Amino acid sequence: ELSNRQFERILLIKPSALGDVIHTVPVLVKLRQRYPQAQ
């Protein structure tokens, strides 16, 4: 059911380290594509 839900306020938690955060950037991009109007 999650795949069909439109979330409006999203928090991503991955504070560090630098390499781990860089690895998470593609997730951020996908989240924005999936929820273009979300915070």
PDB file of all heavy atoms in Angstrom:
ATOM      1  N   GLU A   1       0.813  -1.215   0.000  1.00  0.00           N
ATOM      2  CA  GLU A   1       0.000   0.000   0.000  1.00  0.00           C
ATOM      3  C   GLU A   1       0.846   1.264   0.000  1.00  0.00           C
ATOM      4  O   GLU A   1       0.411   2.318  -0.469  1.00  0.00           O
ATOM      5  CB  GLU A   1      -0.937  -0.005   1.201  1.00  0.00           C
ATOM      6  CG  GLU A   1      -2.023  -1.069   1.146  1.00  0.00           C
ATOM      7  CD  GLU A   1      -2.834  -1.113   2.431  1.00  0.00           C
ATOM      8  OE1 GLU A   1      -2.228  -1.160   3.522  1.00  0.00           O
ATOM      9  OE2 GLU A   1      -4.068  -1.078   2.328  1.00  0.00           O
ATOM     10  N   LEU A   2       2.060   1.185   0.510  1.00  0.00           N
ATOM     11  CA  LEU A   2       2.920   2.359   0.552  1.00  0.00           C
ATOM     12  C   LEU A   2       3.201   2.902  -0.836  1.00  0.00           C
ATOM     13  O   LEU A   2       3.308   4.113  -1.034  1.00  0.00           O
ATOM     14  CB  LEU A   2       4.256   2.017   1.229  1.00  0.00           C
ATOM     15  CG  LEU A   2       4.258   1.785   2.737  1.00  0.00           C
ATOM     16  CD1 LEU A   2       5.662   1.481   3.192  1.00  0.00           C
ATOM     17  CD2 LEU A   2       3.701   2.985   3.477  1.00  0.00           C
ATOM     18  N   SER A   3       3.346   2.024  -1.808  1.00  0.00           N
ATOM     19  CA  SER A   3       3.726   2.458  -3.152  1.00  0.00           C
ATOM     20  C   SER A   3       2.652   3.325  -3.806  1.00  0.00           C
ATOM     21  O   SER A   3       2.945   4.056  -4.758  1.00  0.00           O
ATOM     22  CB  SER A   3       4.024   1.249  -4.034  1.00  0.00           C
ATOM     23  OG  SER A   3       2.867   0.448  -4.187  1.00  0.00           O
ATOM     24  N   ASN A   4       1.428   3.268  -3.290  1.00  0.00           N
ATOM     25  CA  ASN A   4       0.343   4.062  -3.872  1.00  0.00           C
ATOM     26  C   ASN A   4      -0.002   5.317  -3.061  1.00  0.00           C
ATOM     27  O   ASN A   4      -0.831   6.113  -3.481  1.00  0.00           O
ATOM     28  CB  ASN A   4      -0.920   3.202  -3.999  1.00  0.00           C
ATOM     29  CG  ASN A   4      -0.737   2.047  -4.957  1.00  0.00           C
ATOM     30  OD1 ASN A   4      -0.157   2.219  -6.027  1.00  0.00           O
ATOM     31  ND2 ASN A   4      -1.214   0.868  -4.569  1.00  0.00           N
ATOM     32  N   ARG A   5       0.650   5.469  -1.930  1.00  0.00           N
ATOM     33  CA  ARG A   5       0.324   6.595  -1.056  1.00  0.00           C
ATOM     34  C   ARG A   5       1.147   7.827  -1.423  1.00  0.00           C
ATOM     35  O   ARG A   5       2.338   7.723  -1.744  1.00  0.00           O
ATOM     36  CB  ARG A   5       0.574   6.225   0.403  1.00  0.00           C
ATOM     37  CG  ARG A   5       0.297   7.370   1.372  1.00  0.00           C
ATOM     38  CD  ARG A   5       0.269   6.911   2.796  1.00  0.00           C
ATOM     39  NE  ARG A   5       0.161   8.043   3.712  1.00  0.00           N
ATOM     40  CZ  ARG A   5       0.079   7.935   5.026  1.00  0.00           C
ATOM     41  NH1 ARG A   5       0.064   6.741   5.581  1.00  0.00           N
ATOM     42  NH2 ARG A   5      -0.007   9.012   5.786  1.00  0.00           N
ATOM     43  N   GLN A   6       0.532   8.995  -1.368  1.00  0.00           N
ATOM     44  CA  GLN A   6       1.221  10.252  -1.646  1.00  0.00           C
ATOM     45  C   GLN A   6       1.581  10.933  -0.322  1.00  0.00           C
ATOM     46  O   GLN A   6       0.731  11.547   0.317  1.00  0.00           O
ATOM     47  CB  GLN A   6       0.340  11.161  -2.498  1.00  0.00           C
ATOM     48  CG  GLN A   6       0.133  10.668  -3.911  1.00  0.00           C
ATOM     49  CD  GLN A   6       1.441  10.528  -4.673  1.00  0.00           C
ATOM     50  OE1 GLN A   6       2.295  11.412  -4.636  1.00  0.00           O
ATOM     51  NE2 GLN A   6       1.596   9.409  -5.374  1.00  0.00           N
ATOM     52  N   PHE A   7       2.824  10.813   0.082  1.00  0.00           N
ATOM     53  CA  PHE A   7       3.281  11.449   1.311  1.00  0.00           C
ATOM     54  C   PHE A   7       3.558  12.936   1.063  1.00  0.00           C
ATOM     55  O   PHE A   7       3.986  13.336  -0.015  1.00  0.00           O
ATOM     56  CB  PHE A   7       4.531  10.752   1.833  1.00  0.00           C
ATOM     57  CG  PHE A   7       4.291   9.343   2.276  1.00  0.00           C
ATOM     58  CD1 PHE A   7       4.591   8.269   1.431  1.00  0.00           C
ATOM     59  CD2 PHE A   7       3.730   9.076   3.510  1.00  0.00           C
ATOM     60  CE1 PHE A   7       4.359   6.976   1.832  1.00  0.00           C
ATOM     61  CE2 PHE A   7       3.488   7.774   3.920  1.00  0.00           C
ATOM     62  CZ  PHE A   7       3.800   6.723   3.070  1.00  0.00           C
ATOM     63  N   GLU A   8       3.296  13.740   2.088  1.00  0.00           N
ATOM     64  CA  GLU A   8       3.425  15.193   1.944  1.00  0.00           C
ATOM     65  C   GLU A   8       4.586  15.782   2.722  1.00  0.00           C
ATOM     66  O   GLU A   8       5.114  16.824   2.340  1.00  0.00           O
ATOM     67  CB  GLU A   8       2.126  15.863   2.394  1.00  0.00           C
ATOM     68  CG  GLU A   8       0.913  15.481   1.547  1.00  0.00           C
ATOM     69  CD  GLU A   8      -0.348  16.156   2.021  1.00  0.00           C
ATOM     70  OE1 GLU A   8      -0.298  16.852   3.073  1.00  0.00           O
ATOM     71  OE2 GLU A   8      -1.393  15.996   1.367  1.00  0.00           O
ATOM     72  N   ARG A   9       5.008  15.132   3.811  1.00  0.00           N
ATOM     73  CA  ARG A   9       6.096  15.643   4.637  1.00  0.00           C
ATOM     74  C   ARG A   9       7.025  14.487   4.968  1.00  0.00           C
ATOM     75  O   ARG A   9       6.650  13.569   5.703  1.00  0.00           O
ATOM     76  CB  ARG A   9       5.568  16.320   5.901  1.00  0.00           C
ATOM     77  CG  ARG A   9       4.601  17.481   5.616  1.00  0.00           C
ATOM     78  CD  ARG A   9       4.220  18.218   6.879  1.00  0.00           C
ATOM     79  NE  ARG A   9       5.357  18.929   7.463  1.00  0.00           N
ATOM     80  CZ  ARG A   9       5.750  20.138   7.083  1.00  0.00           C
ATOM     81  NH1 ARG A   9       5.117  20.779   6.111  1.00  0.00           N
ATOM     82  NH2 ARG A   9       6.773  20.719   7.666  1.00  0.00           N
ATOM     83  N   ILE A  10       8.243  14.556   4.423  1.00  0.00           N
ATOM     84  CA  ILE A  10       9.166  13.426   4.461  1.00  0.00           C
ATOM     85  C   ILE A  10      10.468  13.860   5.125  1.00  0.00           C
ATOM     86  O   ILE A  10      10.998  14.940   4.843  1.00  0.00           O
ATOM     87  CB  ILE A  10       9.459  12.908   3.033  1.00  0.00           C
ATOM     88  CG1 ILE A  10       8.151  12.475   2.347  1.00  0.00           C
ATOM     89  CG2 ILE A  10      10.464  11.756   3.056  1.00  0.00           C
ATOM     90  CD1 ILE A  10       8.305  12.193   0.867  1.00  0.00           C
ATOM     91  N   LEU A  11      10.982  13.002   5.997  1.00  0.00           N
ATOM     92  CA  LEU A  11      12.292  13.235   6.616  1.00  0.00           C
ATOM     93  C   LEU A  11      13.207  12.068   6.280  1.00  0.00           C
ATOM     94  O   LEU A  11      12.850  10.906   6.468  1.00  0.00           O
ATOM     95  CB  LEU A  11      12.167  13.365   8.132  1.00  0.00           C
ATOM     96  CG  LEU A  11      13.500  13.484   8.892  1.00  0.00           C
ATOM     97  CD1 LEU A  11      14.206  14.787   8.537  1.00  0.00           C
ATOM     98  CD2 LEU A  11      13.288  13.389  10.401  1.00  0.00           C
ATOM     99  N   LEU A  12      14.395  12.393   5.786  1.00  0.00           N
ATOM    100  CA  LEU A  12      15.430  11.401   5.501  1.00  0.00           C
ATOM    101  C   LEU A  12      16.501  11.520   6.573  1.00  0.00           C
ATOM    102  O   LEU A  12      17.036  12.615   6.818  1.00  0.00           O
ATOM    103  CB  LEU A  12      16.021  11.665   4.112  1.00  0.00           C
ATOM    104  CG  LEU A  12      17.097  10.724   3.572  1.00  0.00           C
ATOM    105  CD1 LEU A  12      16.591   9.288   3.508  1.00  0.00           C
ATOM    106  CD2 LEU A  12      17.555  11.196   2.196  1.00  0.00           C
ATOM    107  N   ILE A  13      16.817  10.418   7.234  1.00  0.00           N
ATOM    108  CA  ILE A  13      17.832  10.414   8.291  1.00  0.00           C
ATOM    109  C   ILE A  13      19.051   9.630   7.814  1.00  0.00           C
ATOM    110  O   ILE A  13      19.003   8.408   7.643  1.00  0.00           O
ATOM    111  CB  ILE A  13      17.285   9.806   9.599  1.00  0.00           C
ATOM    112  CG1 ILE A  13      16.127  10.649  10.132  1.00  0.00           C
ATOM    113  CG2 ILE A  13      18.391   9.704  10.647  1.00  0.00           C
ATOM    114  CD1 ILE A  13      15.514  10.107  11.418  1.00  0.00           C
ATOM    115  N   LYS A  14      20.104  10.332   7.550  1.00  0.00           N
ATOM    116  CA  LYS A  14      21.424   9.767   7.234  1.00  0.00           C
ATOM    117  C   LYS A  14      22.412  10.901   7.457  1.00  0.00           C
ATOM    118  O   LYS A  14      22.841  11.583   6.524  1.00  0.00           O
ATOM    119  CB  LYS A  14      21.473   9.269   5.788  1.00  0.00           C
ATOM    120  CG  LYS A  14      22.752   8.502   5.464  1.00  0.00           C
ATOM    121  CD  LYS A  14      22.816   7.188   6.231  1.00  0.00           C
ATOM    122  CE  LYS A  14      23.920   6.311   5.701  1.00  0.00           C
ATOM    123  NZ  LYS A  14      24.055   5.053   6.464  1.00  0.00           N
ATOM    124  N   PRO A  15      22.801  11.154   8.723  1.00  0.00           N
ATOM    125  CA  PRO A  15      23.553  12.370   9.049  1.00  0.00           C
ATOM    126  C   PRO A  15      25.016  12.356   8.628  1.00  0.00           C
ATOM    127  O   PRO A  15      25.590  13.402   8.347  1.00  0.00           O
ATOM    128  CB  PRO A  15      23.416  12.456  10.570  1.00  0.00           C
ATOM    129  CG  PRO A  15      23.153  11.055  11.015  1.00  0.00           C
ATOM    130  CD  PRO A  15      22.394  10.389   9.914  1.00  0.00           C
ATOM    131  N   SER A  16      25.635  11.199   8.596  1.00  0.00           N
ATOM    132  CA  SER A  16      27.056  11.077   8.303  1.00  0.00           C
ATOM    133  C   SER A  16      27.324   9.597   7.983  1.00  0.00           C
ATOM    134  O   SER A  16      26.401   8.780   8.074  1.00  0.00           O
ATOM    135  CB  SER A  16      27.882  11.537   9.520  1.00  0.00           C
ATOM    136  OG  SER A  16      27.571  10.721  10.654  1.00  0.00           O
ATOM    137  N   ALA A  17      28.516   9.221   7.592  1.00  0.00           N
ATOM    138  CA  ALA A  17      29.692   9.993   7.245  1.00  0.00           C
ATOM    139  C   ALA A  17      29.583  10.451   5.800  1.00  0.00           C
ATOM    140  O   ALA A  17      28.610  10.130   5.114  1.00  0.00           O
ATOM    141  CB  ALA A  17      30.941   9.136   7.441  1.00  0.00           C
ATOM    142  N   LEU A  18      30.610  11.178   5.325  1.00  0.00           N
ATOM    143  CA  LEU A  18      30.530  11.788   4.007  1.00  0.00           C
ATOM    144  C   LEU A  18      30.230  10.758   2.923  1.00  0.00           C
ATOM    145  O   LEU A  18      29.331  10.975   2.090  1.00  0.00           O
ATOM    146  CB  LEU A  18      31.834  12.520   3.692  1.00  0.00           C
ATOM    147  CG  LEU A  18      31.914  13.182   2.315  1.00  0.00           C
ATOM    148  CD1 LEU A  18      30.779  14.183   2.119  1.00  0.00           C
ATOM    149  CD2 LEU A  18      33.272  13.863   2.134  1.00  0.00           C
ATOM    150  N   GLY A  19      30.948   9.644   2.910  1.00  0.00           N
ATOM    151  CA  GLY A  19      30.704   8.627   1.891  1.00  0.00           C
ATOM    152  C   GLY A  19      29.308   8.055   1.968  1.00  0.00           C
ATOM    153  O   GLY A  19      28.640   7.860   0.939  1.00  0.00           O
ATOM    154  N   ASP A  20      28.830   7.794   3.174  1.00  0.00           N
ATOM    155  CA  ASP A  20      27.480   7.254   3.355  1.00  0.00           C
ATOM    156  C   ASP A  20      26.424   8.242   2.877  1.00  0.00           C
ATOM    157  O   ASP A  20      25.402   7.854   2.293  1.00  0.00           O
ATOM    158  CB  ASP A  20      27.235   6.917   4.824  1.00  0.00           C
ATOM    159  CG  ASP A  20      28.102   5.785   5.324  1.00  0.00           C
ATOM    160  OD1 ASP A  20      28.566   4.990   4.489  1.00  0.00           O
ATOM    161  OD2 ASP A  20      28.329   5.695   6.543  1.00  0.00           O
ATOM    162  N   VAL A  21      26.658   9.526   3.136  1.00  0.00           N
ATOM    163  CA  VAL A  21      25.706  10.542   2.698  1.00  0.00           C
ATOM    164  C   VAL A  21      25.688  10.629   1.174  1.00  0.00           C
ATOM    165  O   VAL A  21      24.624  10.727   0.553  1.00  0.00           O
ATOM    166  CB  VAL A  21      26.056  11.910   3.328  1.00  0.00           C
ATOM    167  CG1 VAL A  21      25.250  13.030   2.687  1.00  0.00           C
ATOM    168  CG2 VAL A  21      25.793  11.873   4.830  1.00  0.00           C
ATOM    169  N   ILE A  22      26.860  10.577   0.557  1.00  0.00           N
ATOM    170  CA  ILE A  22      26.923  10.588  -0.911  1.00  0.00           C
ATOM    171  C   ILE A  22      26.165   9.396  -1.481  1.00  0.00           C
ATOM    172  O   ILE A  22      25.446   9.518  -2.480  1.00  0.00           O
ATOM    173  CB  ILE A  22      28.385  10.605  -1.383  1.00  0.00           C
ATOM    174  CG1 ILE A  22      29.033  11.947  -1.048  1.00  0.00           C
ATOM    175  CG2 ILE A  22      28.485  10.323  -2.880  1.00  0.00           C
ATOM    176  CD1 ILE A  22      30.526  12.001  -1.278  1.00  0.00           C
ATOM    177  N   HIS A  23      26.289   8.231  -0.840  1.00  0.00           N
ATOM    178  CA  HIS A  23      25.561   7.046  -1.303  1.00  0.00           C
ATOM    179  C   HIS A  23      24.045   7.220  -1.191  1.00  0.00           C
ATOM    180  O   HIS A  23      23.282   6.524  -1.871  1.00  0.00           O
ATOM    181  CB  HIS A  23      25.981   5.828  -0.475  1.00  0.00           C
ATOM    182  CG  HIS A  23      27.392   5.407  -0.721  1.00  0.00           C
ATOM    183  ND1 HIS A  23      28.115   4.656   0.180  1.00  0.00           N
ATOM    184  CD2 HIS A  23      28.225   5.637  -1.771  1.00  0.00           C
ATOM    185  CE1 HIS A  23      29.330   4.442  -0.310  1.00  0.00           C
ATOM    186  NE2 HIS A  23      29.409   5.026  -1.488  1.00  0.00           N
ATOM    187  N   THR A  24      23.615   8.132  -0.332  1.00  0.00           N
ATOM    188  CA  THR A  24      22.189   8.338  -0.103  1.00  0.00           C
ATOM    189  C   THR A  24      21.591   9.374  -1.049  1.00  0.00           C
ATOM    190  O   THR A  24      20.366   9.446  -1.199  1.00  0.00           O
ATOM    191  CB  THR A  24      21.957   8.761   1.365  1.00  0.00           C
ATOM    192  OG1 THR A  24      22.614   7.833   2.238  1.00  0.00           O
ATOM    193  CG2 THR A  24      20.485   8.782   1.736  1.00  0.00           C
ATOM    194  N   VAL A  25      22.429  10.167  -1.698  1.00  0.00           N
ATOM    195  CA  VAL A  25      21.927  11.206  -2.603  1.00  0.00           C
ATOM    196  C   VAL A  25      20.987  10.640  -3.664  1.00  0.00           C
ATOM    197  O   VAL A  25      19.934  11.247  -3.951  1.00  0.00           O
ATOM    198  CB  VAL A  25      23.098  11.985  -3.232  1.00  0.00           C
ATOM    199  CG1 VAL A  25      22.622  12.857  -4.396  1.00  0.00           C
ATOM    200  CG2 VAL A  25      23.796  12.849  -2.184  1.00  0.00           C
ATOM    201  N   PRO A  26      21.289   9.474  -4.284  1.00  0.00           N
ATOM    202  CA  PRO A  26      20.327   8.945  -5.265  1.00  0.00           C
ATOM    203  C   PRO A  26      18.947   8.652  -4.671  1.00  0.00           C
ATOM    204  O   PRO A  26      17.937   8.759  -5.381  1.00  0.00           O
ATOM    205  CB  PRO A  26      21.003   7.654  -5.753  1.00  0.00           C
ATOM    206  CG  PRO A  26      22.462   7.905  -5.570  1.00  0.00           C
ATOM    207  CD  PRO A  26      22.552   8.693  -4.296  1.00  0.00           C
ATOM    208  N   VAL A  27      18.879   8.301  -3.394  1.00  0.00           N
ATOM    209  CA  VAL A  27      17.584   8.106  -2.739  1.00  0.00           C
ATOM    210  C   VAL A  27      16.835   9.423  -2.670  1.00  0.00           C
ATOM    211  O   VAL A  27      15.631   9.487  -2.940  1.00  0.00           O
ATOM    212  CB  VAL A  27      17.767   7.503  -1.332  1.00  0.00           C
ATOM    213  CG1 VAL A  27      16.438   7.464  -0.580  1.00  0.00           C
ATOM    214  CG2 VAL A  27      18.373   6.106  -1.416  1.00  0.00           C
ATOM    215  N   LEU A  28      17.522  10.485  -2.307  1.00  0.00           N
ATOM    216  CA  LEU A  28      16.904  11.814  -2.278  1.00  0.00           C
ATOM    217  C   LEU A  28      16.321  12.172  -3.638  1.00  0.00           C
ATOM    218  O   LEU A  28      15.186  12.656  -3.733  1.00  0.00           O
ATOM    219  CB  LEU A  28      17.946  12.849  -1.857  1.00  0.00           C
ATOM    220  CG  LEU A  28      17.520  14.315  -1.971  1.00  0.00           C
ATOM    221  CD1 LEU A  28      16.452  14.653  -0.949  1.00  0.00           C
ATOM    222  CD2 LEU A  28      18.734  15.226  -1.820  1.00  0.00           C
ATOM    223  N   VAL A  29      17.097  11.939  -4.682  1.00  0.00           N
ATOM    224  CA  VAL A  29      16.635  12.271  -6.040  1.00  0.00           C
ATOM    225  C   VAL A  29      15.381  11.469  -6.385  1.00  0.00           C
ATOM    226  O   VAL A  29      14.409  12.007  -6.933  1.00  0.00           O
ATOM    227  CB  VAL A  29      17.749  12.001  -7.062  1.00  0.00           C
ATOM    228  CG1 VAL A  29      17.237  12.206  -8.489  1.00  0.00           C
ATOM    229  CG2 VAL A  29      18.952  12.907  -6.799  1.00  0.00           C
ATOM    230  N   LYS A  30      15.376  10.187  -6.045  1.00  0.00           N
ATOM    231  CA  LYS A  30      14.211   9.340  -6.332  1.00  0.00           C
ATOM    232  C   LYS A  30      12.995   9.788  -5.525  1.00  0.00           C
ATOM    233  O   LYS A  30      11.859   9.746  -6.028  1.00  0.00           O
ATOM    234  CB  LYS A  30      14.535   7.883  -6.008  1.00  0.00           C
ATOM    235  CG  LYS A  30      15.673   7.282  -6.802  1.00  0.00           C
ATOM    236  CD  LYS A  30      15.247   6.890  -8.193  1.00  0.00           C
ATOM    237  CE  LYS A  30      16.351   6.098  -8.881  1.00  0.00           C
ATOM    238  NZ  LYS A  30      15.994   5.747 -10.269  1.00  0.00           N
ATOM    239  N   LEU A  31      13.221  10.196  -4.289  1.00  0.00           N
ATOM    240  CA  LEU A  31      12.107  10.692  -3.480  1.00  0.00           C
ATOM    241  C   LEU A  31      11.478  11.933  -4.106  1.00  0.00           C
ATOM    242  O   LEU A  31      10.256  12.065  -4.154  1.00  0.00           O
ATOM    243  CB  LEU A  31      12.587  11.017  -2.061  1.00  0.00           C
ATOM    244  CG  LEU A  31      12.835   9.850  -1.116  1.00  0.00           C
ATOM    245  CD1 LEU A  31      13.543  10.331   0.146  1.00  0.00           C
ATOM    246  CD2 LEU A  31      11.527   9.146  -0.762  1.00  0.00           C
ATOM    247  N   ARG A  32      12.319  12.840  -4.599  1.00  0.00           N
ATOM    248  CA  ARG A  32      11.788  14.047  -5.220  1.00  0.00           C
ATOM    249  C   ARG A  32      11.029  13.717  -6.500  1.00  0.00           C
ATOM    250  O   ARG A  32       9.970  14.312  -6.783  1.00  0.00           O
ATOM    251  CB  ARG A  32      12.930  15.028  -5.502  1.00  0.00           C
ATOM    252  CG  ARG A  32      12.500  16.298  -6.202  1.00  0.00           C
ATOM    253  CD  ARG A  32      11.367  17.009  -5.470  1.00  0.00           C
ATOM    254  NE  ARG A  32      11.801  17.588  -4.203  1.00  0.00           N
ATOM    255  CZ  ARG A  32      10.977  17.920  -3.227  1.00  0.00           C
ATOM    256  NH1 ARG A  32       9.660  17.705  -3.348  1.00  0.00           N
ATOM    257  NH2 ARG A  32      11.439  18.436  -2.109  1.00  0.00           N
ATOM    258  N   GLN A  33      11.520  12.749  -7.271  1.00  0.00           N
ATOM    259  CA  GLN A  33      10.803  12.337  -8.484  1.00  0.00           C
ATOM    260  C   GLN A  33       9.456  11.709  -8.134  1.00  0.00           C
ATOM    261  O   GLN A  33       8.458  11.962  -8.799  1.00  0.00           O
ATOM    262  CB  GLN A  33      11.657  11.341  -9.279  1.00  0.00           C
ATOM    263  CG  GLN A  33      12.909  11.939  -9.896  1.00  0.00           C
ATOM    264  CD  GLN A  33      13.824  10.885 -10.487  1.00  0.00           C
ATOM    265  OE1 GLN A  33      13.679   9.682 -10.223  1.00  0.00           O
ATOM    266  NE2 GLN A  33      14.783  11.315 -11.297  1.00  0.00           N
ATOM    267  N   ARG A  34       9.451  10.922  -7.066  1.00  0.00           N
ATOM    268  CA  ARG A  34       8.228  10.212  -6.676  1.00  0.00           C
ATOM    269  C   ARG A  34       7.221  11.149  -6.021  1.00  0.00           C
ATOM    270  O   ARG A  34       6.004  10.980  -6.195  1.00  0.00           O
ATOM    271  CB  ARG A  34       8.601   9.070  -5.715  1.00  0.00           C
ATOM    272  CG  ARG A  34       7.433   8.285  -5.149  1.00  0.00           C
ATOM    273  CD  ARG A  34       6.699   7.485  -6.207  1.00  0.00           C
ATOM    274  NE  ARG A  34       5.606   6.740  -5.603  1.00  0.00           N
ATOM    275  CZ  ARG A  34       4.401   7.251  -5.343  1.00  0.00           C
ATOM    276  NH1 ARG A  34       4.138   8.526  -5.638  1.00  0.00           N
ATOM    277  NH2 ARG A  34       3.465   6.506  -4.789  1.00  0.00           N
ATOM    278  N   TYR A  35       7.700  12.127  -5.255  1.00  0.00           N
ATOM    279  CA  TYR A  35       6.812  13.046  -4.531  1.00  0.00           C
ATOM    280  C   TYR A  35       7.210  14.488  -4.865  1.00  0.00           C
ATOM    281  O   TYR A  35       7.806  15.187  -4.035  1.00  0.00           O
ATOM    282  CB  TYR A  35       6.911  12.802  -3.025  1.00  0.00           C
ATOM    283  CG  TYR A  35       6.748  11.360  -2.626  1.00  0.00           C
ATOM    284  CD1 TYR A  35       7.854  10.588  -2.266  1.00  0.00           C
ATOM    285  CD2 TYR A  35       5.490  10.754  -2.608  1.00  0.00           C
ATOM    286  CE1 TYR A  35       7.705   9.258  -1.902  1.00  0.00           C
ATOM    287  CE2 TYR A  35       5.333   9.424  -2.247  1.00  0.00           C
ATOM    288  CZ  TYR A  35       6.449   8.681  -1.896  1.00  0.00           C
ATOM    289  OH  TYR A  35       6.308   7.352  -1.545  1.00  0.00           O
ATOM    290  N   PRO A  36       6.897  14.947  -6.061  1.00  0.00           N
ATOM    291  CA  PRO A  36       7.399  16.257  -6.511  1.00  0.00           C
ATOM    292  C   PRO A  36       6.903  17.438  -5.688  1.00  0.00           C
ATOM    293  O   PRO A  36       7.569  18.477  -5.645  1.00  0.00           O
ATOM    294  CB  PRO A  36       6.896  16.345  -7.966  1.00  0.00           C
ATOM    295  CG  PRO A  36       5.763  15.360  -8.055  1.00  0.00           C
ATOM    296  CD  PRO A  36       6.094  14.272  -7.103  1.00  0.00           C
ATOM    297  N   GLN A  37       5.760  17.325  -5.031  1.00  0.00           N
ATOM    298  CA  GLN A  37       5.203  18.432  -4.268  1.00  0.00           C
ATOM    299  C   GLN A  37       5.466  18.328  -2.764  1.00  0.00           C
ATOM    300  O   GLN A  37       5.062  19.206  -2.003  1.00  0.00           O
ATOM    301  CB  GLN A  37       3.685  18.508  -4.500  1.00  0.00           C
ATOM    302  CG  GLN A  37       3.285  18.647  -5.961  1.00  0.00           C
ATOM    303  CD  GLN A  37       3.917  19.863  -6.620  1.00  0.00           C
ATOM    304  OE1 GLN A  37       3.989  20.934  -6.023  1.00  0.00           O
ATOM    305  NE2 GLN A  37       4.375  19.685  -7.861  1.00  0.00           N
ATOM    306  N   ALA A  38       6.143  17.279  -2.347  1.00  0.00           N
ATOM    307  CA  ALA A  38       6.316  17.033  -0.911  1.00  0.00           C
ATOM    308  C   ALA A  38       7.382  17.947  -0.308  1.00  0.00           C
ATOM    309  O   ALA A  38       8.283  18.433  -0.992  1.00  0.00           O
ATOM    310  CB  ALA A  38       6.689  15.577  -0.668  1.00  0.00           C
ATOM    311  N   GLN A  39       7.255  18.164   1.000  1.00  0.00           N
ATOM    312  CA  GLN A  39       8.324  18.775   1.789  1.00  0.00           C
ATOM    313  C   GLN A  39       9.290  17.654   2.133  1.00  0.00           C
ATOM    314  O   GLN A  39       8.925  16.685   2.797  1.00  0.00           O
ATOM    315  CB  GLN A  39       7.753  19.385   3.065  1.00  0.00           C
ATOM    316  CG  GLN A  39       8.788  19.760   4.120  1.00  0.00           C
ATOM    317  CD  GLN A  39       9.254  21.194   4.012  1.00  0.00           C
ATOM    318  OE1 GLN A  39       8.611  21.990   3.349  1.00  0.00           O
ATOM    319  NE2 GLN A  39      10.367  21.505   4.655  1.00  0.00           N
TER     320      GLN A  39
END
